[in-house]
């Protein structure tokens, strides 16, 4: 519907409606009748807006009705009963009037049936205020039918049949969405349906997106008329279609266009946040902050936006207090989903040492059927014991890098429970950090951890480092590294450390070392130590200067090893050798 920059005052609306009913019963000339019907529609829209002022429909009908009143006032000054040209114009305008009447009546029926489009409206409150306006509109329709010989009833009937068909299609699409097991996708798709419900020509596009045919939806949109293609709803549909295809940059551009055209579209803001997450490799990023914040400001009850903004604050900004607030609000909004329960339990356990609180949340996750909760619940309950409390305290001091305090708490834990393998491992690591490097102090903790948990990969790697760097027992170090790789063939540090051992002066197995470093790089291309080590082998043992340059270029591009060497000086020296 067209928009109007002017608005009617409340006094104008009241006066228009007060006179409209009487005028409708007495006037017989087409133009005045149509003008008064527009006033009636304006009053209906106003009553509609009194109880659902946040809905777009009310504002659209109000703007359209007022625009029609101005149009007919202008026509009244120029027309006559014998003007065939104006009569044709009136017929077209009257069909628009009939369409609006039909849509309003259809909405009223939908409210009675509790349709999803009106779930936010309190039906009981609405009905009392709507009845008087509905009666006036019915009388207007009868009067128009009698005085103008235009079969408005037939027109409305056709419109209602179309509305029925569209409603059935919406219901079918919603039924498909309800079967989607992904909470975020459900919210995105429901947002799409909500956005296009007033543009039936976009329902096919919405259905294609819900069916997983994003590429087809983009093609249909590209072939649509410009006025359809450039609408905010179409841009949202396009953004979701591209989102579905993981074309993140294009999806972001379309969704940005949508919110530029319709800044109050909370669903589009939510989708934009998800697109930034996808663009960042399905990892939280700072770019998500504004979209999710805007979504919550527009829709304070949006469950998904609370969860996702909580994740962003938790994982990126480390703002655990604000993340906790958002997770708790999400749980309040929809307690049947375990994701915010689980995420909040991690904050309580790891960041706040609130083990009882974490236990309560994980118990609820188990009740809701979340997979893989039982083992963590067992561990949390163990953490509630005296030994467990000492272990949790040790981890808390570790996170604060207070190593003497961490060692004291972890020592209390193993004194209370000598079979606590994780505490032994953390104790060995805390000794390393306290001393600034490996020392004999870590030997017993790592050895005890392996005895209790023979498949503890990190304990094997760290004990191997101790044998290599402290005891210089290279055979035992190699054995431990190989055991680590056997337990976890994708363990990057085990490959890197074995490569370093094989290339030392005692081993001089440069081919074996090269294989280990190349494997480490393959497993994690952004792990820089094997790049440095491999470049040394290629330069000094293989005389492969171009190969060494290539490894150092990547090392420098990734930022080197912070606090040790950025690699720029060595790269310059290597390039000078080319």
Protein backbone atom coordinates (compact mmCIF):
# COMPACT_ATOMS: atom_id res chain seq x y z
CA UNK A 1 0.00 0.00 0.00
CA UNK A 2 1.13 3.56 -0.64
CA UNK A 3 2.54 5.64 2.19
CA UNK A 4 1.57 9.21 3.04
CA UNK A 5 3.84 11.77 4.66
CA UNK A 6 0.92 13.53 6.37
CA UNK A 7 -1.10 12.15 9.26
CA UNK A 8 -4.58 12.89 10.49
CA UNK A 9 -5.02 14.47 13.91
CA UNK A 10 -7.10 12.65 16.53
CA UNK A 11 -9.72 15.41 16.29
CA UNK A 12 -9.97 14.97 12.51
CA UNK A 13 -10.37 11.22 12.93
CA UNK A 14 -13.06 11.61 15.57
CA UNK A 15 -15.00 14.18 13.56
CA UNK A 16 -14.69 12.14 10.35
CA UNK A 17 -16.04 9.02 11.96
CA UNK A 18 -18.86 10.81 13.80
CA UNK A 19 -20.25 12.16 10.54
CA UNK A 20 -19.42 9.20 8.34
CA UNK A 21 -22.20 6.80 9.33
CA UNK A 22 -24.92 9.40 8.81
CA UNK A 23 -23.44 10.51 5.48
CA UNK A 24 -23.21 6.96 4.22
CA UNK A 25 -26.97 6.51 4.70
CA UNK A 26 -27.91 9.66 2.80
CA UNK A 27 -25.41 10.42 0.03
CA UNK A 28 -25.88 8.91 -3.39
CA UNK A 29 -23.09 10.50 -5.45
CA UNK A 30 -20.11 8.24 -5.87
CA UNK A 31 -17.30 10.55 -4.85
CA UNK A 32 -18.60 11.71 -1.43
CA UNK A 33 -19.55 8.16 -0.51
CA UNK A 34 -16.09 6.90 -1.31
CA UNK A 35 -14.49 9.74 0.61
CA UNK A 36 -16.58 8.96 3.69
CA UNK A 37 -15.72 5.27 3.44
CA UNK A 38 -12.07 6.28 3.51
CA UNK A 39 -12.78 8.13 6.76
CA UNK A 40 -14.46 5.04 8.18
CA UNK A 41 -11.44 2.97 7.24
CA UNK A 42 -9.22 5.52 8.91
CA UNK A 43 -11.19 5.17 12.13
CA UNK A 44 -11.02 1.38 11.90
CA UNK A 45 -7.26 1.60 11.50
CA UNK A 46 -7.06 3.95 14.47
CA UNK A 47 -9.04 1.56 16.67
CA UNK A 48 -6.85 -1.27 15.41
CA UNK A 49 -3.77 0.75 16.29
CA UNK A 50 -5.00 1.47 19.84
CA UNK A 51 -4.44 -2.13 20.83
CA UNK A 52 -1.78 -3.25 18.36
CA UNK A 53 0.22 -0.12 17.71
CA UNK A 54 3.43 -2.05 17.26
CA UNK A 55 2.12 -3.99 14.26
CA UNK A 56 2.90 -2.80 10.75
CA UNK A 57 -0.63 -3.57 9.47
CA UNK A 58 -2.27 -0.81 11.51
CA UNK A 59 0.10 1.88 10.33
CA UNK A 60 -0.13 0.73 6.70
CA UNK A 61 -3.94 0.77 6.68
CA UNK A 62 -4.03 4.13 8.44
CA UNK A 63 -1.61 5.72 5.95
CA UNK A 64 -3.47 4.23 2.98
CA UNK A 65 -6.91 5.31 4.23
CA UNK A 66 -5.81 8.88 4.84
CA UNK A 67 -4.17 9.02 1.39
CA UNK A 68 -7.43 7.78 -0.16
CA UNK A 69 -9.44 10.46 1.69
CA UNK A 70 -7.21 13.17 0.21
CA UNK A 71 -7.41 11.59 -3.26
CA UNK A 72 -11.20 11.52 -3.28
CA UNK A 73 -11.44 15.05 -1.98
CA UNK A 74 -9.42 16.20 -4.98
CA UNK A 75 -11.52 14.11 -7.35
CA UNK A 76 -14.73 15.52 -5.90
CA UNK A 77 -13.83 19.01 -7.13
CA UNK A 78 -13.20 17.79 -10.70
CA UNK A 79 -15.75 15.07 -11.36
CA UNK A 80 -19.37 14.93 -12.45
CA UNK A 81 -21.93 12.12 -12.71
CA UNK A 82 -21.43 12.02 -16.47
CA UNK A 83 -17.62 11.80 -16.46
CA UNK A 84 -16.84 8.40 -17.91
CA UNK A 85 -13.10 8.87 -17.45
CA UNK A 86 -13.45 9.69 -13.78
CA UNK A 87 -15.94 6.85 -13.36
CA UNK A 88 -13.26 4.43 -14.56
CA UNK A 89 -10.82 5.93 -12.08
CA UNK A 90 -13.39 5.54 -9.33
CA UNK A 91 -13.96 1.93 -10.19
CA UNK A 92 -10.27 1.25 -9.76
CA UNK A 93 -10.14 3.19 -6.50
CA UNK A 94 -13.23 1.46 -5.18
CA UNK A 95 -11.65 -1.91 -5.77
CA UNK A 96 -8.79 -0.75 -3.55
CA UNK A 97 -11.34 0.27 -0.93
CA UNK A 98 -13.01 -3.11 -1.18
CA UNK A 99 -9.68 -4.85 -0.89
CA UNK A 100 -8.84 -3.04 2.34
CA UNK A 101 -12.29 -3.76 3.77
CA UNK A 102 -11.91 -7.42 2.89
CA UNK A 103 -8.46 -7.63 4.45
CA UNK A 104 -9.64 -6.00 7.67
CA UNK A 105 -12.58 -8.35 7.90
CA UNK A 106 -10.26 -11.26 7.19
CA UNK A 107 -7.94 -10.19 10.00
CA UNK A 108 -10.92 -10.05 12.36
CA UNK A 109 -11.81 -13.63 11.48
CA UNK A 110 -8.20 -14.67 11.95
CA UNK A 111 -8.20 -13.19 15.44
CA UNK A 112 -11.24 -15.28 16.36
CA UNK A 113 -9.38 -18.40 15.26
CA UNK A 114 -6.14 -17.43 17.02
CA UNK A 115 -4.04 -17.34 13.84
CA UNK A 116 -0.27 -16.95 14.29
CA UNK A 117 -0.37 -13.51 12.67
CA UNK A 118 -2.32 -12.14 15.60
CA UNK A 119 -0.82 -14.08 18.48
CA UNK A 120 0.58 -10.87 19.95
CA UNK A 121 -2.88 -9.31 20.04
CA UNK A 122 -5.16 -9.91 22.98
CA UNK A 123 -8.23 -11.08 21.18
CA UNK A 124 -10.66 -10.30 23.98
CA UNK A 125 -9.52 -6.68 24.27
CA UNK A 126 -9.48 -6.23 20.51
CA UNK A 127 -12.98 -7.55 19.81
CA UNK A 128 -14.76 -5.03 22.00
CA UNK A 129 -13.05 -2.08 20.35
CA UNK A 130 -13.32 -3.48 16.83
CA UNK A 131 -17.04 -4.34 16.72
CA UNK A 132 -18.33 -0.78 16.29
CA UNK A 133 -15.84 -0.06 13.51
CA UNK A 134 -16.58 -3.39 11.82
CA UNK A 135 -20.33 -2.61 11.78
CA UNK A 136 -19.66 0.77 10.19
CA UNK A 137 -17.51 -0.83 7.51
CA UNK A 138 -20.21 -3.41 6.79
CA UNK A 139 -22.79 -0.62 6.34
CA UNK A 140 -20.37 1.22 4.07
CA UNK A 141 -19.97 -1.85 1.91
CA UNK A 142 -23.76 -2.30 1.60
CA UNK A 143 -24.20 1.38 0.72
CA UNK A 144 -21.47 1.24 -1.90
CA UNK A 145 -23.02 -1.84 -3.44
CA UNK A 146 -26.45 -0.11 -3.57
CA UNK A 147 -25.37 3.31 -4.85
CA UNK A 148 -22.52 2.55 -7.24
CA UNK A 149 -23.62 -0.78 -8.77
CA UNK A 150 -20.11 -2.07 -8.31
CA UNK A 151 -20.25 -5.61 -7.01
CA UNK A 152 -18.01 -4.97 -4.08
CA UNK A 153 -19.29 -8.05 -2.34
CA UNK A 154 -18.05 -10.09 -5.30
CA UNK A 155 -14.75 -8.25 -5.21
CA UNK A 156 -14.35 -8.86 -1.49
CA UNK A 157 -15.35 -12.48 -1.98
CA UNK A 158 -12.61 -12.93 -4.58
CA UNK A 159 -10.13 -11.18 -2.31
CA UNK A 160 -11.12 -13.37 0.62
CA UNK A 161 -10.69 -16.48 -1.52
CA UNK A 162 -7.19 -15.28 -2.38
CA UNK A 163 -6.55 -14.51 1.28
CA UNK A 164 -7.73 -18.02 2.18
CA UNK A 165 -5.32 -19.54 -0.33
CA UNK A 166 -2.44 -17.39 0.96
CA UNK A 167 -3.34 -18.25 4.53
CA UNK A 168 -3.33 -21.95 3.72
CA UNK A 169 0.07 -21.57 2.08
CA UNK A 170 1.41 -19.71 5.11
CA UNK A 171 0.13 -22.43 7.40
CA UNK A 172 1.80 -25.09 5.22
CA UNK A 173 5.13 -23.22 5.29
CA UNK A 174 4.91 -22.80 9.06
CA UNK A 175 4.24 -26.51 9.46
CA UNK A 176 7.48 -27.23 7.59
CA UNK A 177 9.39 -24.77 9.77
CA UNK A 178 8.09 -26.44 12.94
CA UNK A 179 9.75 -29.68 11.81
CA UNK A 180 13.18 -28.02 11.62
CA UNK A 181 15.29 -29.16 14.56
CA UNK A 182 17.63 -26.15 14.47
CA UNK A 183 16.42 -23.37 16.79
CA UNK A 184 18.28 -20.60 14.97
CA UNK A 185 17.00 -21.72 11.58
CA UNK A 186 13.45 -21.88 12.88
CA UNK A 187 13.68 -18.31 14.11
CA UNK A 188 15.21 -17.11 10.85
CA UNK A 189 12.56 -18.83 8.75
CA UNK A 190 9.68 -17.67 10.93
CA UNK A 191 11.07 -14.17 10.59
CA UNK A 192 11.01 -14.58 6.81
CA UNK A 193 7.35 -15.63 6.83
CA UNK A 194 6.47 -12.71 9.09
CA UNK A 195 8.27 -10.29 6.75
CA UNK A 196 6.64 -11.47 3.51
CA UNK A 197 3.11 -12.18 4.76
CA UNK A 198 1.86 -8.87 3.33
CA UNK A 199 3.51 -9.55 -0.04
CA UNK A 200 1.90 -12.76 -1.38
CA UNK A 201 4.17 -12.64 -4.42
CA UNK A 202 7.08 -13.48 -2.10
CA UNK A 203 5.44 -16.52 -0.49
CA UNK A 204 6.87 -18.82 -3.16
CA UNK A 205 10.35 -17.46 -2.44
CA UNK A 206 9.85 -18.04 1.29
CA UNK A 207 8.71 -21.60 0.68
CA UNK A 208 11.77 -22.28 -1.51
CA UNK A 209 14.07 -21.05 1.26
CA UNK A 210 12.31 -23.22 3.84
CA UNK A 211 12.59 -26.18 1.44
CA UNK A 212 16.35 -25.60 1.16
CA UNK A 213 16.36 -24.24 -2.40
CA UNK A 214 18.19 -20.98 -1.75
CA UNK A 215 19.67 -20.86 -5.25
CA UNK A 216 16.21 -21.20 -6.80
CA UNK A 217 14.84 -18.49 -4.51
CA UNK A 218 17.56 -16.07 -5.66
CA UNK A 219 16.67 -16.74 -9.31
CA UNK A 220 12.96 -16.11 -8.68
CA UNK A 221 13.78 -12.84 -6.94
CA UNK A 222 16.06 -11.75 -9.78
CA UNK A 223 13.16 -12.18 -12.22
CA UNK A 224 10.65 -10.28 -10.05
CA UNK A 225 9.51 -6.73 -10.90
CA UNK A 226 11.81 -4.00 -9.56
CA UNK A 227 9.26 -2.73 -7.03
CA UNK A 228 9.05 -6.23 -5.56
CA UNK A 229 12.74 -7.04 -5.84
CA UNK A 230 13.84 -3.84 -4.07
CA UNK A 231 11.43 -4.07 -1.13
CA UNK A 232 12.73 -4.64 2.39
CA UNK A 233 10.94 -8.01 2.56
CA UNK A 234 12.55 -9.12 -0.72
CA UNK A 235 15.98 -8.11 0.54
CA UNK A 236 15.41 -10.15 3.68
CA UNK A 237 14.33 -13.14 1.61
CA UNK A 238 17.38 -12.71 -0.62
CA UNK A 239 19.65 -12.48 2.42
CA UNK A 240 18.28 -15.75 3.86
CA UNK A 241 18.54 -17.50 0.50
CA UNK A 242 22.22 -16.50 0.27
CA UNK A 243 22.73 -17.32 3.95
CA UNK A 244 21.46 -20.81 3.24
CA UNK A 245 24.09 -21.19 0.50
CA UNK A 246 26.81 -19.90 2.87
CA UNK A 247 27.48 -16.96 0.55
CA UNK A 248 28.18 -14.85 3.58
CA UNK A 249 29.40 -11.60 2.02
CA UNK A 250 26.44 -11.44 -0.37
CA UNK A 251 24.01 -12.37 2.41
CA UNK A 252 25.43 -9.60 4.61
CA UNK A 253 25.02 -7.05 1.78
CA UNK A 254 21.37 -8.07 1.20
CA UNK A 255 20.53 -8.00 4.91
CA UNK A 256 22.23 -4.63 5.34
CA UNK A 257 20.03 -3.36 2.50
CA UNK A 258 17.00 -4.77 4.29
CA UNK A 259 17.67 -3.01 7.60
CA UNK A 260 18.54 0.20 5.74
CA UNK A 261 15.05 0.10 4.19
CA UNK A 262 13.35 -1.21 7.34
CA UNK A 263 15.44 -0.44 10.46
CA UNK A 264 12.72 -1.90 12.69
CA UNK A 265 12.92 -5.40 11.20
CA UNK A 266 14.23 -7.30 14.22
CA UNK A 267 14.31 -10.56 12.27
CA UNK A 268 16.66 -9.09 9.65
CA UNK A 269 18.99 -7.78 12.37
CA UNK A 270 19.06 -11.29 13.87
CA UNK A 271 19.87 -12.85 10.50
CA UNK A 272 22.62 -10.26 9.92
CA UNK A 273 24.29 -11.28 13.18
CA UNK A 274 24.17 -14.92 12.06
CA UNK A 275 25.70 -14.02 8.69
CA UNK A 276 28.65 -12.30 10.40
CA UNK A 277 29.11 -15.45 12.52
CA UNK A 278 29.14 -17.58 9.37
CA UNK A 279 31.57 -15.25 7.59
CA UNK A 280 33.95 -15.62 10.53
CA UNK A 281 34.15 -19.39 10.07
CA UNK A 282 31.25 -20.17 12.42
CA UNK A 283 33.07 -18.43 15.26
CA UNK A 284 31.84 -15.54 17.36
CA UNK A 285 33.15 -12.10 16.37
CA UNK A 286 32.76 -8.45 17.35
CA UNK A 287 30.66 -7.70 14.24
CA UNK A 288 27.76 -9.67 15.76
CA UNK A 289 27.34 -7.19 18.60
CA UNK A 290 25.34 -4.45 16.84
CA UNK A 291 22.88 -6.74 14.97
CA UNK A 292 21.97 -8.78 18.04
CA UNK A 293 21.79 -5.67 20.23
CA UNK A 294 19.46 -4.00 17.71
CA UNK A 295 17.33 -7.14 17.51
CA UNK A 296 16.88 -7.25 21.29
CA UNK A 297 16.09 -3.52 21.45
CA UNK A 298 13.30 -4.04 18.89
CA UNK A 299 12.14 -7.41 20.24
CA UNK A 300 13.07 -7.83 23.93
CA UNK A 301 11.63 -11.37 23.88
CA UNK A 302 13.79 -12.70 21.04
CA UNK A 303 15.24 -15.93 22.46
CA UNK A 304 17.89 -16.54 19.79
CA UNK A 305 19.32 -13.03 19.93
CA UNK A 306 19.82 -13.33 23.70
CA UNK A 307 21.63 -16.67 23.32
CA UNK A 308 23.83 -15.52 20.42
CA UNK A 309 24.75 -12.18 21.97
CA UNK A 310 25.56 -14.07 25.18
CA UNK A 311 27.88 -16.35 23.18
CA UNK A 312 29.60 -13.36 21.58
CA UNK A 313 30.17 -11.61 24.92
CA UNK A 314 31.31 -14.87 26.52
CA UNK A 315 33.75 -15.92 23.80
CA UNK A 316 34.98 -12.60 22.36
CA UNK A 317 34.75 -9.89 25.02
CA UNK A 318 35.03 -12.28 27.99
CA UNK A 319 32.25 -10.27 29.62
CA UNK A 320 31.00 -13.16 31.72
CA UNK A 321 28.62 -11.12 33.89
CA UNK A 322 26.72 -9.71 30.91
CA UNK A 323 26.77 -13.10 29.17
CA UNK A 324 25.26 -14.64 32.30
CA UNK A 325 22.45 -12.04 32.25
CA UNK A 326 21.64 -12.82 28.63
CA UNK A 327 21.67 -16.59 29.13
CA UNK A 328 19.37 -16.28 32.14
CA UNK A 329 16.97 -14.13 30.13
CA UNK A 330 16.99 -16.69 27.30
CA UNK A 331 16.17 -19.45 29.81
CA UNK A 332 13.32 -17.34 31.15
CA UNK A 333 12.00 -16.73 27.61
CA UNK A 334 12.10 -20.39 26.58
CA UNK A 335 13.13 -22.89 29.25
CA UNK A 336 12.74 -25.94 27.02
CA UNK A 337 16.01 -25.45 25.11
CA UNK A 338 19.25 -26.64 26.79
CA UNK A 339 21.80 -24.45 24.95
CA UNK A 340 21.74 -21.43 27.30
CA UNK A 341 21.57 -23.77 30.30
CA UNK A 342 24.74 -25.53 29.17
CA UNK A 343 26.61 -22.32 28.27
CA UNK A 344 25.69 -20.71 31.57
CA UNK A 345 26.78 -23.81 33.48
CA UNK A 346 30.27 -23.44 31.96
CA UNK A 347 30.49 -19.83 33.12
CA UNK A 348 29.41 -20.81 36.62
CA UNK A 349 31.86 -23.69 36.78
CA UNK A 350 34.95 -22.25 35.09
CA UNK A 351 34.68 -18.50 35.70
CA UNK A 352 32.75 -18.24 38.97
CA UNK A 353 33.55 -21.53 40.72
CA UNK A 354 29.82 -21.94 41.45
CA UNK A 355 29.73 -25.74 41.27
CA UNK A 356 26.26 -26.17 42.86
CA UNK A 357 24.81 -23.69 40.38
CA UNK A 358 26.48 -25.47 37.48
CA UNK A 359 25.20 -28.85 38.71
CA UNK A 360 21.63 -27.57 38.81
CA UNK A 361 21.84 -26.32 35.21
CA UNK A 362 23.42 -29.51 33.86
CA UNK A 363 20.80 -31.61 35.66
CA UNK A 364 18.18 -29.65 33.73
CA UNK A 365 20.11 -30.28 30.49
CA UNK A 366 19.97 -34.01 31.21
CA UNK A 367 16.22 -33.77 31.87
CA UNK A 368 15.73 -31.99 28.53
CA UNK A 369 17.62 -34.73 26.70
CA UNK A 370 20.81 -32.91 25.72
CA UNK A 371 23.42 -35.40 24.53
CA UNK A 372 26.68 -36.08 26.39
CA UNK A 373 25.65 -34.41 29.65
CA UNK A 374 25.89 -37.35 32.01
CA UNK A 375 29.70 -37.55 32.19
CA UNK A 376 30.01 -33.85 32.92
CA UNK A 377 27.33 -34.10 35.58
CA UNK A 378 29.31 -36.89 37.27
CA UNK A 379 32.46 -34.73 37.19
CA UNK A 380 30.62 -31.70 38.56
CA UNK A 381 29.18 -33.70 41.42
CA UNK A 382 32.69 -34.96 42.18
CA UNK A 383 33.83 -31.32 42.13
CA UNK A 384 31.39 -30.62 44.96
CA UNK A 385 33.45 -32.87 47.28
CA UNK A 386 36.29 -31.36 49.40
CA UNK A 387 38.86 -32.59 46.86
CA UNK A 388 36.74 -31.27 44.01
CA UNK A 389 36.47 -27.86 45.65
CA UNK A 390 40.24 -27.69 46.02
CA UNK A 391 40.62 -28.66 42.35
CA UNK A 392 38.16 -25.93 41.28
CA UNK A 393 40.05 -23.41 43.40
CA UNK A 394 43.30 -24.50 41.76
CA UNK A 395 41.80 -23.95 38.29
CA UNK A 396 40.51 -20.54 39.33
CA UNK A 397 43.97 -19.49 40.54
CA UNK A 398 45.46 -20.93 37.34
CA UNK A 399 43.16 -18.71 35.27
CA UNK A 400 44.41 -15.75 37.33
CA UNK A 401 48.03 -16.92 36.77
CA UNK A 402 48.58 -17.03 40.54
CA UNK A 403 50.85 -20.05 40.39
CA UNK A 404 51.88 -20.51 44.05
CA UNK A 405 48.24 -20.37 45.11
CA UNK A 406 47.24 -22.73 42.29
CA UNK A 407 49.94 -25.21 43.36
CA UNK A 408 48.78 -25.07 46.98
CA UNK A 409 45.14 -25.75 46.06
CA UNK A 410 46.03 -28.56 43.64
CA UNK A 411 48.34 -30.14 46.21
CA UNK A 412 45.45 -30.14 48.71
CA UNK A 413 43.30 -31.84 46.08
CA UNK A 414 45.70 -34.75 45.46
CA UNK A 415 46.30 -35.08 49.22
CA UNK A 416 42.52 -35.55 49.61
CA UNK A 417 42.15 -37.70 46.50
CA UNK A 418 45.35 -39.29 45.24
CA UNK A 419 43.46 -40.73 42.22
CA UNK A 420 42.49 -37.32 40.80
CA UNK A 421 44.38 -37.56 37.49
CA UNK A 422 43.36 -34.10 36.25
CA UNK A 423 44.67 -32.48 39.43
CA UNK A 424 48.03 -34.24 39.00
CA UNK A 425 48.27 -32.96 35.43
CA UNK A 426 47.36 -29.39 36.39
CA UNK A 427 49.87 -29.53 39.25
CA UNK A 428 52.65 -30.48 36.82
CA UNK A 429 51.66 -27.63 34.51
CA UNK A 430 51.51 -25.14 37.42
CA UNK A 431 55.09 -26.08 38.41
CA UNK A 432 56.19 -25.35 34.82
CA UNK A 433 54.57 -21.93 34.87
CA UNK A 434 55.87 -21.06 38.35
CA UNK A 435 59.46 -21.93 37.43
CA UNK A 436 59.31 -20.37 33.97
CA UNK A 437 60.36 -23.65 32.32
CA UNK A 438 60.33 -27.39 32.87
CA UNK A 439 61.89 -28.73 36.04
CA UNK A 440 62.07 -31.93 38.02
CA UNK A 441 59.12 -30.67 40.07
CA UNK A 442 56.79 -31.64 37.23
CA UNK A 443 58.07 -35.20 36.96
CA UNK A 444 55.95 -36.77 39.70
CA UNK A 445 52.67 -35.02 38.75
CA UNK A 446 52.89 -35.99 35.06
CA UNK A 447 53.98 -39.54 35.89
CA UNK A 448 51.13 -40.01 38.38
CA UNK A 449 48.63 -38.62 35.85
CA UNK A 450 49.74 -41.16 33.21
CA UNK A 451 49.58 -44.02 35.71
CA UNK A 452 45.98 -43.10 36.53
CA UNK A 453 44.97 -42.17 32.99
CA UNK A 454 47.20 -43.99 30.44
CA UNK A 455 45.51 -42.24 27.49
CA UNK A 456 46.12 -38.69 28.71
CA UNK A 457 47.85 -37.29 25.61
CA UNK A 458 48.95 -33.92 26.98
CA UNK A 459 50.61 -35.58 30.00
CA UNK A 460 52.66 -37.78 27.64
CA UNK A 461 53.71 -34.75 25.58
CA UNK A 462 54.70 -32.68 28.62
CA UNK A 463 56.58 -35.54 30.24
CA UNK A 464 58.36 -36.07 26.90
CA UNK A 465 59.41 -32.40 27.00
CA UNK A 466 60.83 -32.95 30.49
CA UNK A 467 62.89 -35.97 29.38
CA UNK A 468 64.10 -34.05 26.31
CA UNK A 469 64.96 -30.69 27.90
CA UNK A 470 65.72 -31.50 31.56
CA UNK A 471 67.00 -35.08 31.73
CA UNK A 472 68.34 -35.20 28.14
CA UNK A 473 66.95 -38.72 27.85
CA UNK A 474 66.12 -38.52 24.15
CA UNK A 475 65.10 -42.15 23.76
CA UNK A 476 62.46 -41.87 26.49
CA UNK A 477 61.31 -38.48 25.11
CA UNK A 478 60.91 -39.97 21.61
CA UNK A 479 58.96 -42.90 23.03
CA UNK A 480 56.57 -40.56 24.85
CA UNK A 481 56.03 -38.36 21.78
CA UNK A 482 55.29 -41.38 19.61
CA UNK A 483 52.89 -42.72 22.23
CA UNK A 484 51.11 -39.34 22.16
CA UNK A 485 50.77 -39.49 18.37
CA UNK A 486 49.49 -43.05 18.60
CA UNK A 487 46.83 -41.91 21.07
CA UNK A 488 45.93 -38.84 18.99
CA UNK A 489 47.26 -38.81 15.39
CA UNK A 490 46.06 -35.19 15.02
CA UNK A 491 47.94 -33.80 18.01
CA UNK A 492 49.89 -30.87 16.54
CA UNK A 493 52.24 -30.26 19.46
CA UNK A 494 53.30 -33.91 19.64
CA UNK A 495 54.35 -33.83 15.95
CA UNK A 496 56.12 -30.48 16.41
CA UNK A 497 58.02 -31.59 19.50
CA UNK A 498 59.06 -34.90 17.95
CA UNK A 499 60.30 -32.98 14.91
CA UNK A 500 62.37 -30.72 17.14
CA UNK A 501 63.85 -33.76 18.92
CA UNK A 502 64.74 -35.55 15.68
CA UNK A 503 66.62 -32.51 14.32
CA UNK A 504 68.81 -31.94 17.39
CA UNK A 505 72.54 -32.71 17.37
CA UNK A 506 72.03 -36.04 19.14
CA UNK A 507 69.61 -37.39 16.51
CA UNK A 508 70.28 -35.51 13.23
CA UNK A 509 67.33 -37.29 11.61
CA UNK A 510 66.50 -34.33 9.37
CA UNK A 511 64.23 -36.25 7.02
CA UNK A 512 62.17 -37.54 9.94
CA UNK A 513 62.09 -34.06 11.45
CA UNK A 514 60.90 -32.55 8.16
CA UNK A 515 58.08 -35.11 7.97
CA UNK A 516 56.94 -34.29 11.51
CA UNK A 517 56.94 -30.53 10.92
CA UNK A 518 55.12 -30.81 7.60
CA UNK A 519 52.50 -33.01 9.27
CA UNK A 520 52.08 -30.44 12.07
CA UNK A 521 51.58 -27.70 9.47
CA UNK A 522 49.05 -29.83 7.63
CA UNK A 523 47.12 -30.41 10.87
CA UNK A 524 47.15 -26.72 11.84
CA UNK A 525 48.33 -24.28 9.14
CA UNK A 526 48.23 -21.38 11.63
CA UNK A 527 50.54 -22.99 14.22
CA UNK A 528 53.79 -21.09 13.64
CA UNK A 529 56.59 -23.05 15.47
CA UNK A 530 56.79 -25.85 12.86
CA UNK A 531 57.05 -23.20 10.11
CA UNK A 532 60.14 -21.76 11.80
CA UNK A 533 61.64 -25.19 12.47
CA UNK A 534 61.02 -26.43 8.94
CA UNK A 535 62.58 -23.30 7.44
CA UNK A 536 65.77 -24.01 9.44
CA UNK A 537 65.95 -27.59 8.14
CA UNK A 538 65.37 -26.48 4.54
CA UNK A 539 67.99 -23.73 4.80
CA UNK A 540 70.77 -25.42 6.74
CA UNK A 541 70.36 -29.13 5.93
CA UNK A 542 68.72 -29.18 2.48
CA UNK A 543 70.07 -25.91 1.01
CA UNK A 544 66.52 -25.22 -0.20
CA UNK A 545 66.52 -21.43 0.19
CA UNK A 546 63.29 -20.82 -1.83
CA UNK A 547 61.53 -23.42 0.33
CA UNK A 548 62.87 -21.83 3.52
CA UNK A 549 61.72 -18.39 2.31
CA UNK A 550 58.23 -19.74 1.64
CA UNK A 551 57.92 -21.13 5.18
CA UNK A 552 59.20 -17.90 6.74
CA UNK A 553 56.87 -15.76 4.64
CA UNK A 554 53.93 -17.69 6.06
CA UNK A 555 55.43 -17.49 9.56
CA UNK A 556 55.69 -13.69 9.30
CA UNK A 557 52.21 -13.39 7.78
CA UNK A 558 50.76 -15.21 10.79
CA UNK A 559 52.55 -12.91 13.24
CA UNK A 560 55.42 -15.20 14.22
CA UNK A 561 55.65 -16.34 17.83
CA UNK A 562 54.47 -13.40 19.97
CA UNK A 563 57.00 -12.38 22.60
CA UNK A 564 59.78 -14.39 20.99
CA UNK A 565 60.46 -13.64 17.32
CA UNK A 566 58.36 -12.07 14.57
CA UNK A 567 60.64 -13.58 11.88
CA UNK A 568 61.08 -10.42 9.79
CA UNK A 569 64.86 -10.17 10.24
CA UNK A 570 65.43 -13.83 9.40
CA UNK A 571 63.17 -13.58 6.35
CA UNK A 572 65.16 -10.61 5.06
CA UNK A 573 68.43 -12.58 5.45
CA UNK A 574 66.96 -15.57 3.61
CA UNK A 575 65.73 -13.42 0.73
CA UNK A 576 69.24 -11.95 0.42
CA UNK A 577 70.49 -15.49 -0.28
CA UNK A 578 68.22 -16.01 -3.29
